[in-house]
Amino acid sequence: MGKEISRQNIIEAMDTLRNHKNDIIKIFNTSPLLTPANRINIVNHLTEFFDSTSEPDGINKLYSATDY
């Protein structure tokens, strides 16, 4: 068995990611390894992910996904 993931662990991890959101998006948005269409797709998904996990319901969905 692996280490149990707590709701607080998820909240802290998402806070850390959100603190670096602009840098993360910039990396994908300027990557020469991706086609322009893939860049747009990834950036849109990342933006949606960050936005959806800023709400309590988003954290609940992430937490319930760890129940395996």
N, C-alpha and C. Protein backbone atom coordinates (compact mmCIF):
# COMPACT_ATOMS: atom_id res chain seq x y z
N MET A 1 0.83 -1.19 0.00
CA MET A 1 0.00 0.00 0.00
C MET A 1 0.88 1.25 0.00
N GLY A 2 0.47 2.20 -0.81
CA GLY A 2 1.17 3.47 -0.86
C GLY A 2 0.69 4.40 0.24
N LYS A 3 1.30 5.52 0.30
CA LYS A 3 0.92 6.53 1.28
C LYS A 3 -0.47 7.06 0.95
N GLU A 4 -1.30 7.18 1.96
CA GLU A 4 -2.65 7.70 1.76
C GLU A 4 -2.57 9.19 1.43
N ILE A 5 -3.37 9.58 0.45
CA ILE A 5 -3.43 10.99 0.05
C ILE A 5 -4.58 11.64 0.78
N SER A 6 -4.27 12.65 1.56
CA SER A 6 -5.32 13.34 2.32
C SER A 6 -5.84 14.53 1.53
N ARG A 7 -7.00 14.96 1.90
CA ARG A 7 -7.59 16.15 1.28
C ARG A 7 -6.65 17.35 1.47
N GLN A 8 -6.02 17.45 2.64
CA GLN A 8 -5.10 18.56 2.90
C GLN A 8 -3.88 18.49 1.98
N ASN A 9 -3.38 17.27 1.71
CA ASN A 9 -2.25 17.11 0.77
C ASN A 9 -2.63 17.64 -0.60
N ILE A 10 -3.84 17.36 -1.04
CA ILE A 10 -4.30 17.81 -2.35
C ILE A 10 -4.42 19.33 -2.37
N ILE A 11 -4.99 19.89 -1.32
CA ILE A 11 -5.15 21.35 -1.24
C ILE A 11 -3.78 22.02 -1.30
N GLU A 12 -2.82 21.51 -0.54
CA GLU A 12 -1.48 22.11 -0.52
C GLU A 12 -0.79 21.96 -1.87
N ALA A 13 -0.93 20.80 -2.50
CA ALA A 13 -0.32 20.58 -3.81
C ALA A 13 -0.92 21.51 -4.86
N MET A 14 -2.24 21.67 -4.83
CA MET A 14 -2.90 22.54 -5.80
C MET A 14 -2.54 24.00 -5.55
N ASP A 15 -2.39 24.39 -4.30
CA ASP A 15 -1.95 25.76 -3.99
C ASP A 15 -0.56 26.02 -4.58
N THR A 16 0.33 25.03 -4.42
CA THR A 16 1.68 25.16 -4.98
C THR A 16 1.63 25.27 -6.49
N LEU A 17 0.84 24.40 -7.13
CA LEU A 17 0.72 24.47 -8.59
C LEU A 17 0.14 25.79 -9.04
N ARG A 18 -0.90 26.25 -8.35
CA ARG A 18 -1.53 27.52 -8.73
C ARG A 18 -0.57 28.70 -8.56
N ASN A 19 0.32 28.62 -7.56
CA ASN A 19 1.32 29.68 -7.37
C ASN A 19 2.28 29.77 -8.56
N HIS A 20 2.40 28.67 -9.31
CA HIS A 20 3.30 28.62 -10.46
C HIS A 20 2.53 28.47 -11.77
N LYS A 21 1.24 28.74 -11.72
CA LYS A 21 0.36 28.55 -12.89
C LYS A 21 0.90 29.25 -14.13
N ASN A 22 1.25 30.51 -14.02
CA ASN A 22 1.70 31.27 -15.20
C ASN A 22 2.98 30.68 -15.79
N ASP A 23 3.89 30.25 -14.94
CA ASP A 23 5.13 29.63 -15.43
C ASP A 23 4.84 28.30 -16.12
N ILE A 24 3.97 27.50 -15.52
CA ILE A 24 3.62 26.20 -16.09
C ILE A 24 2.98 26.39 -17.47
N ILE A 25 2.04 27.30 -17.55
CA ILE A 25 1.36 27.55 -18.83
C ILE A 25 2.35 28.10 -19.86
N LYS A 26 3.26 28.97 -19.44
CA LYS A 26 4.24 29.54 -20.36
C LYS A 26 5.14 28.46 -20.95
N ILE A 27 5.54 27.50 -20.13
CA ILE A 27 6.39 26.40 -20.60
C ILE A 27 5.70 25.66 -21.74
N PHE A 28 4.44 25.30 -21.54
CA PHE A 28 3.72 24.56 -22.59
C PHE A 28 3.39 25.45 -23.78
N ASN A 29 3.10 26.71 -23.53
CA ASN A 29 2.70 27.63 -24.59
C ASN A 29 3.86 28.00 -25.52
N THR A 30 5.09 27.85 -25.04
CA THR A 30 6.25 28.22 -25.85
C THR A 30 7.11 27.02 -26.24
N SER A 31 6.66 25.82 -25.92
CA SER A 31 7.45 24.63 -26.20
C SER A 31 7.61 24.38 -27.70
N PRO A 32 8.85 24.26 -28.16
CA PRO A 32 9.07 23.95 -29.58
C PRO A 32 8.76 22.49 -29.90
N LEU A 33 8.52 21.69 -28.88
CA LEU A 33 8.22 20.27 -29.09
C LEU A 33 6.75 20.02 -29.44
N LEU A 34 5.93 21.05 -29.32
CA LEU A 34 4.50 20.90 -29.57
C LEU A 34 4.09 21.69 -30.81
N THR A 35 3.10 21.16 -31.51
CA THR A 35 2.54 21.91 -32.63
C THR A 35 1.71 23.06 -32.05
N PRO A 36 1.48 24.10 -32.83
CA PRO A 36 0.64 25.19 -32.33
C PRO A 36 -0.73 24.71 -31.83
N ALA A 37 -1.34 23.77 -32.55
CA ALA A 37 -2.65 23.26 -32.13
C ALA A 37 -2.55 22.54 -30.79
N ASN A 38 -1.49 21.75 -30.61
CA ASN A 38 -1.31 21.04 -29.34
C ASN A 38 -1.04 22.01 -28.20
N ARG A 39 -0.29 23.06 -28.47
CA ARG A 39 -0.04 24.08 -27.45
C ARG A 39 -1.34 24.68 -26.96
N ILE A 40 -2.17 25.09 -27.91
CA ILE A 40 -3.47 25.69 -27.55
C ILE A 40 -4.30 24.71 -26.75
N ASN A 41 -4.35 23.46 -27.19
CA ASN A 41 -5.14 22.44 -26.51
C ASN A 41 -4.66 22.23 -25.07
N ILE A 42 -3.36 22.07 -24.90
CA ILE A 42 -2.81 21.84 -23.56
C ILE A 42 -3.03 23.05 -22.66
N VAL A 43 -2.77 24.24 -23.17
CA VAL A 43 -2.96 25.45 -22.37
C VAL A 43 -4.42 25.61 -21.96
N ASN A 44 -5.34 25.33 -22.88
CA ASN A 44 -6.76 25.41 -22.54
C ASN A 44 -7.13 24.41 -21.45
N HIS A 45 -6.61 23.18 -21.57
CA HIS A 45 -6.91 22.17 -20.55
C HIS A 45 -6.28 22.53 -19.20
N LEU A 46 -5.06 23.02 -19.22
CA LEU A 46 -4.42 23.44 -17.97
C LEU A 46 -5.20 24.57 -17.30
N THR A 47 -5.61 25.55 -18.10
CA THR A 47 -6.37 26.67 -17.56
C THR A 47 -7.67 26.19 -16.95
N GLU A 48 -8.36 25.30 -17.66
CA GLU A 48 -9.61 24.74 -17.15
C GLU A 48 -9.37 23.96 -15.86
N PHE A 49 -8.28 23.19 -15.83
CA PHE A 49 -7.95 22.41 -14.64
C PHE A 49 -7.68 23.31 -13.45
N PHE A 50 -6.86 24.33 -13.64
CA PHE A 50 -6.56 25.25 -12.54
C PHE A 50 -7.82 25.96 -12.06
N ASP A 51 -8.65 26.39 -12.99
CA ASP A 51 -9.89 27.08 -12.61
C ASP A 51 -10.83 26.15 -11.86
N SER A 52 -10.98 24.92 -12.34
CA SER A 52 -11.94 24.00 -11.72
C SER A 52 -11.49 23.52 -10.35
N THR A 53 -10.18 23.46 -10.13
CA THR A 53 -9.70 22.99 -8.83
C THR A 53 -9.53 24.11 -7.82
N SER A 54 -9.89 25.32 -8.20
CA SER A 54 -9.83 26.41 -7.23
C SER A 54 -11.09 26.45 -6.38
N GLU A 55 -12.08 25.69 -6.77
CA GLU A 55 -13.34 25.61 -6.02
C GLU A 55 -13.32 24.37 -5.12
N PRO A 56 -14.03 24.41 -3.99
CA PRO A 56 -14.08 23.24 -3.11
C PRO A 56 -14.55 21.98 -3.82
N ASP A 57 -15.51 22.12 -4.74
CA ASP A 57 -16.01 20.94 -5.45
C ASP A 57 -14.91 20.29 -6.29
N GLY A 58 -14.02 21.12 -6.85
CA GLY A 58 -12.91 20.58 -7.63
C GLY A 58 -11.95 19.78 -6.77
N ILE A 59 -11.67 20.27 -5.58
CA ILE A 59 -10.81 19.54 -4.64
C ILE A 59 -11.49 18.24 -4.24
N ASN A 60 -12.80 18.27 -4.01
CA ASN A 60 -13.53 17.05 -3.66
C ASN A 60 -13.43 16.02 -4.77
N LYS A 61 -13.52 16.46 -6.03
CA LYS A 61 -13.41 15.53 -7.15
C LYS A 61 -12.01 14.93 -7.23
N LEU A 62 -10.99 15.74 -7.02
CA LEU A 62 -9.62 15.20 -7.01
C LEU A 62 -9.44 14.21 -5.87
N TYR A 63 -9.98 14.55 -4.71
CA TYR A 63 -9.84 13.67 -3.54
C TYR A 63 -10.56 12.35 -3.78
N SER A 64 -11.77 12.40 -4.33
CA SER A 64 -12.51 11.16 -4.55
C SER A 64 -11.85 10.30 -5.63
N ALA A 65 -11.08 10.91 -6.52
CA ALA A 65 -10.37 10.15 -7.55
C ALA A 65 -9.22 9.34 -6.95
N THR A 66 -8.79 9.67 -5.74
CA THR A 66 -7.70 8.93 -5.10
C THR A 66 -8.22 7.70 -4.37
N ASP A 67 -9.52 7.51 -4.37
CA ASP A 67 -10.13 6.37 -3.67
C ASP A 67 -10.14 5.16 -4.58
N TYR A 68 -9.01 4.45 -4.62
CA TYR A 68 -8.90 3.29 -5.50
C TYR A 68 -8.56 2.05 -4.75
